[in-house]
Amino acid sequence: MTTGWRRAPVHNPAKAGARTKQQPRLTTVPEGRMNELFEYTAEEKLREITREIGFRLTLYPRWVATGKISREKADRQLGILKAIARDYQGQCK
């Protein structure tokens, strides 16, 4: 008796003749230059942290109600994010 369902074949790179060497990285960053690629202004950081706080203020009440996160953990995480925002506000003056 068949159900119409077929089991998908398991991919085995060794049998498929795939290269076993590690693939080269697509991008490499010379040592000591990582900060140059990800340099953002205090204003940009403040804008993003403020946006994230807004998201969490919307999500956390639902998450607390469904038990996904405790009220204490939500309050602590929001407190930390708000402290980060205050730090950046001080830098933007």
Foldseek 3Di string as FASTA:
>chain_A
DDDPDDDDDDDDCVVVVHDPDDDDDPDDDPPPCPCVVVPDALVVVLVVLVVVLVVLVVVVVVCCVVVVDPPVVSVVVSVVSVVSNVVSVVVVD
